[in-house]
């Protein structure tokens, strides 16, 4: 199972569209996960044109039209693994603690989040914390990025810099 991971697209505020490199890469994915801050719902529809299985949550900058279509958090099962997805909120340096608390009763293996615009690929205990960064905005990051997670008998995750 190959999963393309994206967050904090902020389109059209930060860019006109998702970078073409990402759309081409996501054509080869089994699933795409967007961890919020679309800003415009058309981005969700665009992702669905390159991958039929798209999971998504809303972020703090998403307007009502996006929030009424998507959950704040979602849990996805893939084989023996459980993925928790939530955008996050509050101070970026407290995100992992916040998400750990929110998902503590869920027996999660991977927590995918956004909000900080900075890529994270870090294992703490039995949980992989994964933030793909932002493909369109570098306000809090040194580079734009997205992610790929491969799940077979184990989890392999990587950040791709643009």
C-alpha atoms as a PDB file:
ATOM      1  CA  UNK A   1       0.000   0.000   0.000  1.00  0.00           C
ATOM      2  CA  UNK A   2       1.478   3.331  -1.106  1.00  0.00           C
ATOM      3  CA  UNK A   3       0.000   6.514   0.378  1.00  0.00           C
ATOM      4  CA  UNK A   4       0.665  10.030  -0.863  1.00  0.00           C
ATOM      5  CA  UNK A   5       0.481  12.555   1.973  1.00  0.00           C
ATOM      6  CA  UNK A   6      -0.090  16.286   1.638  1.00  0.00           C
ATOM      7  CA  UNK A   7      -1.209  19.135   3.903  1.00  0.00           C
ATOM      8  CA  UNK A   8      -1.339  22.911   4.135  1.00  0.00           C
ATOM      9  CA  UNK A   9      -1.909  23.560   0.446  1.00  0.00           C
ATOM     10  CA  UNK A  10      -3.597  26.934   1.162  1.00  0.00           C
ATOM     11  CA  UNK A  11      -4.800  27.261  -2.414  1.00  0.00           C
ATOM     12  CA  UNK A  12      -5.443  29.860  -3.825  1.00  0.00           C
ATOM     13  CA  UNK A  13      -3.918  31.970  -1.015  1.00  0.00           C
ATOM     14  CA  UNK A  14      -0.331  30.628  -1.276  1.00  0.00           C
ATOM     15  CA  UNK A  15      -0.310  29.162  -4.799  1.00  0.00           C
ATOM     16  CA  UNK A  16      -2.547  28.700  -7.833  1.00  0.00           C
ATOM     17  CA  UNK A  17      -2.463  24.917  -7.766  1.00  0.00           C
ATOM     18  CA  UNK A  18      -0.835  21.790  -6.362  1.00  0.00           C
ATOM     19  CA  UNK A  19       2.638  21.405  -7.916  1.00  0.00           C
ATOM     20  CA  UNK A  20       2.503  19.146 -10.984  1.00  0.00           C
ATOM     21  CA  UNK A  21       5.244  16.875  -9.585  1.00  0.00           C
ATOM     22  CA  UNK A  22       2.935  15.928  -6.711  1.00  0.00           C
ATOM     23  CA  UNK A  23      -0.052  15.252  -8.959  1.00  0.00           C
ATOM     24  CA  UNK A  24       2.090  13.005 -11.184  1.00  0.00           C
ATOM     25  CA  UNK A  25       3.476  11.113  -8.162  1.00  0.00           C
ATOM     26  CA  UNK A  26       0.013  10.683  -6.626  1.00  0.00           C
ATOM     27  CA  UNK A  27      -1.237   8.952  -9.807  1.00  0.00           C
ATOM     28  CA  UNK A  28       0.777   5.923  -8.689  1.00  0.00           C
ATOM     29  CA  UNK A  29      -0.604   5.849  -5.120  1.00  0.00           C
ATOM     30  CA  UNK A  30      -3.197   3.492  -3.657  1.00  0.00           C
ATOM     31  CA  UNK A  31      -4.442   6.283  -1.375  1.00  0.00           C
ATOM     32  CA  UNK A  32      -3.911  10.005  -0.860  1.00  0.00           C
ATOM     33  CA  UNK A  33      -4.281  11.684   2.534  1.00  0.00           C
ATOM     34  CA  UNK A  34      -4.684  15.461   2.896  1.00  0.00           C
ATOM     35  CA  UNK A  35      -4.218  16.653   6.485  1.00  0.00           C
ATOM     36  CA  UNK A  36      -6.117  19.925   6.157  1.00  0.00           C
ATOM     37  CA  UNK A  37      -5.864  23.587   5.233  1.00  0.00           C
ATOM     38  CA  UNK A  38      -7.112  23.197   1.684  1.00  0.00           C
ATOM     39  CA  UNK A  39      -8.706  26.685   1.822  1.00  0.00           C
ATOM     40  CA  UNK A  40     -10.599  25.844  -1.397  1.00  0.00           C
ATOM     41  CA  UNK A  41     -12.557  22.604  -1.810  1.00  0.00           C
ATOM     42  CA  UNK A  42     -11.595  22.358  -5.490  1.00  0.00           C
ATOM     43  CA  UNK A  43      -8.248  20.934  -4.332  1.00  0.00           C
ATOM     44  CA  UNK A  44      -9.990  17.898  -2.837  1.00  0.00           C
ATOM     45  CA  UNK A  45     -11.722  17.300  -6.159  1.00  0.00           C
ATOM     46  CA  UNK A  46      -8.432  17.674  -8.034  1.00  0.00           C
ATOM     47  CA  UNK A  47      -6.798  15.039  -5.786  1.00  0.00           C
ATOM     48  CA  UNK A  48      -9.702  12.696  -6.544  1.00  0.00           C
ATOM     49  CA  UNK A  49      -8.908  12.958 -10.256  1.00  0.00           C
ATOM     50  CA  UNK A  50      -5.435  11.458  -9.716  1.00  0.00           C
ATOM     51  CA  UNK A  51      -6.305   8.885  -7.003  1.00  0.00           C
ATOM     52  CA  UNK A  52      -9.715   7.345  -6.391  1.00  0.00           C
ATOM     53  CA  UNK A  53      -9.140   6.785  -2.643  1.00  0.00           C
ATOM     54  CA  UNK A  54      -8.669  10.172  -0.953  1.00  0.00           C
ATOM     55  CA  UNK A  55      -8.981  10.675   2.813  1.00  0.00           C
ATOM     56  CA  UNK A  56      -9.015  14.195   4.212  1.00  0.00           C
ATOM     57  CA  UNK A  57      -9.697  16.303   7.282  1.00  0.00           C
ATOM     58  CA  UNK A  58     -10.260  20.036   7.650  1.00  0.00           C
ATOM     59  CA  UNK A  59      -7.708  22.443   9.062  1.00  0.00           C
ATOM     60  CA  UNK A  60      -7.906  25.630  11.079  1.00  0.00           C
ATOM     61  CA  UNK A  61      -7.765  27.858   7.975  1.00  0.00           C
ATOM     62  CA  UNK A  62     -10.498  25.996   6.101  1.00  0.00           C
ATOM     63  CA  UNK A  63     -13.786  27.855   5.644  1.00  0.00           C
ATOM     64  CA  UNK A  64     -17.223  26.482   6.493  1.00  0.00           C
ATOM     65  CA  UNK A  65     -17.723  25.072   2.970  1.00  0.00           C
ATOM     66  CA  UNK A  66     -14.724  22.754   3.535  1.00  0.00           C
ATOM     67  CA  UNK A  67     -15.566  21.943   7.178  1.00  0.00           C
ATOM     68  CA  UNK A  68     -19.092  20.805   6.343  1.00  0.00           C
ATOM     69  CA  UNK A  69     -17.679  18.275   3.828  1.00  0.00           C
ATOM     70  CA  UNK A  70     -14.860  16.808   5.947  1.00  0.00           C
ATOM     71  CA  UNK A  71     -14.299  15.553   9.506  1.00  0.00           C
ATOM     72  CA  UNK A  72     -11.926  17.195  11.981  1.00  0.00           C
ATOM     73  CA  UNK A  73     -10.206  13.866  12.568  1.00  0.00           C
ATOM     74  CA  UNK A  74     -10.321  10.455  10.972  1.00  0.00           C
ATOM     75  CA  UNK A  75      -8.960   7.003  11.688  1.00  0.00           C
ATOM     76  CA  UNK A  76      -8.104   4.737   8.770  1.00  0.00           C
ATOM     77  CA  UNK A  77      -7.272   1.033   9.060  1.00  0.00           C
ATOM     78  CA  UNK A  78      -4.769  -0.488   6.653  1.00  0.00           C
ATOM     79  CA  UNK A  79      -3.984  -4.132   7.301  1.00  0.00           C
ATOM     80  CA  UNK A  80      -2.872  -4.420  10.919  1.00  0.00           C
ATOM     81  CA  UNK A  81      -2.135  -0.692  11.178  1.00  0.00           C
ATOM     82  CA  UNK A  82      -4.251   2.260  12.265  1.00  0.00           C
ATOM     83  CA  UNK A  83      -3.642   5.785  10.987  1.00  0.00           C
ATOM     84  CA  UNK A  84      -4.960   8.808  12.844  1.00  0.00           C
ATOM     85  CA  UNK A  85      -5.385  11.951  10.747  1.00  0.00           C
ATOM     86  CA  UNK A  86      -5.911  15.441  12.169  1.00  0.00           C
ATOM     87  CA  UNK A  87      -4.646  18.851  11.089  1.00  0.00           C
ATOM     88  CA  UNK A  88      -3.753  20.131  14.554  1.00  0.00           C
ATOM     89  CA  UNK A  89      -3.928  23.583  16.082  1.00  0.00           C
ATOM     90  CA  UNK A  90      -2.154  25.830  18.552  1.00  0.00           C
ATOM     91  CA  UNK A  91       1.592  26.318  18.991  1.00  0.00           C
ATOM     92  CA  UNK A  92       3.593  24.209  16.504  1.00  0.00           C
ATOM     93  CA  UNK A  93       6.029  23.038  19.199  1.00  0.00           C
ATOM     94  CA  UNK A  94       3.101  21.457  21.107  1.00  0.00           C
ATOM     95  CA  UNK A  95       1.507  19.609  18.174  1.00  0.00           C
ATOM     96  CA  UNK A  96       2.904  16.158  18.900  1.00  0.00           C
ATOM     97  CA  UNK A  97       1.844  16.368  22.554  1.00  0.00           C
ATOM     98  CA  UNK A  98      -1.633  17.584  21.539  1.00  0.00           C
ATOM     99  CA  UNK A  99      -2.131  14.809  18.971  1.00  0.00           C
ATOM    100  CA  UNK A 100      -0.780  12.147  21.320  1.00  0.00           C
ATOM    101  CA  UNK A 101      -3.443  13.159  23.839  1.00  0.00           C
ATOM    102  CA  UNK A 102      -6.248  13.315  21.254  1.00  0.00           C
ATOM    103  CA  UNK A 103      -5.492   9.829  19.870  1.00  0.00           C
ATOM    104  CA  UNK A 104      -4.359   8.197  23.149  1.00  0.00           C
ATOM    105  CA  UNK A 105      -7.309   5.756  23.392  1.00  0.00           C
ATOM    106  CA  UNK A 106      -7.222   4.758  19.707  1.00  0.00           C
ATOM    107  CA  UNK A 107      -4.188   2.410  19.550  1.00  0.00           C
ATOM    108  CA  UNK A 108      -2.772   4.345  16.588  1.00  0.00           C
ATOM    109  CA  UNK A 109       0.411   3.386  14.708  1.00  0.00           C
ATOM    110  CA  UNK A 110       0.777   6.558  12.610  1.00  0.00           C
ATOM    111  CA  UNK A 111      -0.455  10.092  13.277  1.00  0.00           C
ATOM    112  CA  UNK A 112      -0.586  12.253  10.158  1.00  0.00           C
ATOM    113  CA  UNK A 113      -0.933  15.979  10.773  1.00  0.00           C
ATOM    114  CA  UNK A 114      -0.227  19.420   9.345  1.00  0.00           C
ATOM    115  CA  UNK A 115      -0.518  22.964  10.722  1.00  0.00           C
ATOM    116  CA  UNK A 116       3.165  23.800  11.263  1.00  0.00           C
ATOM    117  CA  UNK A 117       4.096  23.645   7.540  1.00  0.00           C
ATOM    118  CA  UNK A 118       7.321  21.925   8.691  1.00  0.00           C
ATOM    119  CA  UNK A 119       7.961  18.313   7.734  1.00  0.00           C
ATOM    120  CA  UNK A 120       8.145  15.730  10.532  1.00  0.00           C
ATOM    121  CA  UNK A 121       8.975  12.029  10.174  1.00  0.00           C
ATOM    122  CA  UNK A 122       9.645  10.925  13.729  1.00  0.00           C
ATOM    123  CA  UNK A 123       8.979   7.761  15.682  1.00  0.00           C
ATOM    124  CA  UNK A 124       8.230   8.121  19.395  1.00  0.00           C
ATOM    125  CA  UNK A 125       7.580   4.878  21.196  1.00  0.00           C
ATOM    126  CA  UNK A 126       5.280   2.837  18.947  1.00  0.00           C
ATOM    127  CA  UNK A 127       3.843   5.811  17.051  1.00  0.00           C
ATOM    128  CA  UNK A 128       5.143   7.387  13.837  1.00  0.00           C
ATOM    129  CA  UNK A 129       4.387  11.127  13.727  1.00  0.00           C
ATOM    130  CA  UNK A 130       4.238  12.317  10.139  1.00  0.00           C
ATOM    131  CA  UNK A 131       3.727  15.848   8.861  1.00  0.00           C
ATOM    132  CA  UNK A 132       4.345  16.169   5.119  1.00  0.00           C
ATOM    133  CA  UNK A 133       5.047  19.902   5.395  1.00  0.00           C
ATOM    134  CA  UNK A 134       3.509  22.303   2.886  1.00  0.00           C
ATOM    135  CA  UNK A 135       3.993  22.063  -0.876  1.00  0.00           C
ATOM    136  CA  UNK A 136       3.109  25.730  -1.360  1.00  0.00           C
ATOM    137  CA  UNK A 137       4.192  27.766   1.670  1.00  0.00           C
ATOM    138  CA  UNK A 138       7.475  28.124   3.568  1.00  0.00           C
ATOM    139  CA  UNK A 139       6.428  30.578   6.254  1.00  0.00           C
ATOM    140  CA  UNK A 140       7.625  28.229   9.042  1.00  0.00           C
ATOM    141  CA  UNK A 141       9.763  25.842   6.973  1.00  0.00           C
ATOM    142  CA  UNK A 142      13.046  25.836   5.081  1.00  0.00           C
ATOM    143  CA  UNK A 143      11.586  23.966   2.100  1.00  0.00           C
ATOM    144  CA  UNK A 144       8.320  22.866   0.477  1.00  0.00           C
ATOM    145  CA  UNK A 145       7.496  19.187   0.711  1.00  0.00           C
ATOM    146  CA  UNK A 146       5.027  16.312   0.655  1.00  0.00           C
ATOM    147  CA  UNK A 147       5.261  12.713   1.813  1.00  0.00           C
ATOM    148  CA  UNK A 148       4.945   9.074   0.873  1.00  0.00           C
ATOM    149  CA  UNK A 149       4.161   6.271   3.302  1.00  0.00           C
ATOM    150  CA  UNK A 150       4.478   2.629   2.281  1.00  0.00           C
ATOM    151  CA  UNK A 151       2.749   0.014   4.403  1.00  0.00           C
ATOM    152  CA  UNK A 152       3.465  -3.671   3.908  1.00  0.00           C
ATOM    153  CA  UNK A 153       4.666  -5.853   6.772  1.00  0.00           C
ATOM    154  CA  UNK A 154       6.247  -2.666   8.164  1.00  0.00           C
ATOM    155  CA  UNK A 155       5.905   1.091   7.739  1.00  0.00           C
ATOM    156  CA  UNK A 156       8.325   3.090   5.595  1.00  0.00           C
ATOM    157  CA  UNK A 157       7.783   6.855   5.452  1.00  0.00           C
ATOM    158  CA  UNK A 158       9.677   9.579   3.670  1.00  0.00           C
ATOM    159  CA  UNK A 159       9.517  13.308   3.079  1.00  0.00           C
ATOM    160  CA  UNK A 160      10.023  14.518  -0.481  1.00  0.00           C
ATOM    161  CA  UNK A 161      11.469  18.022  -0.846  1.00  0.00           C
ATOM    162  CA  UNK A 162      10.315  20.098  -3.770  1.00  0.00           C
END
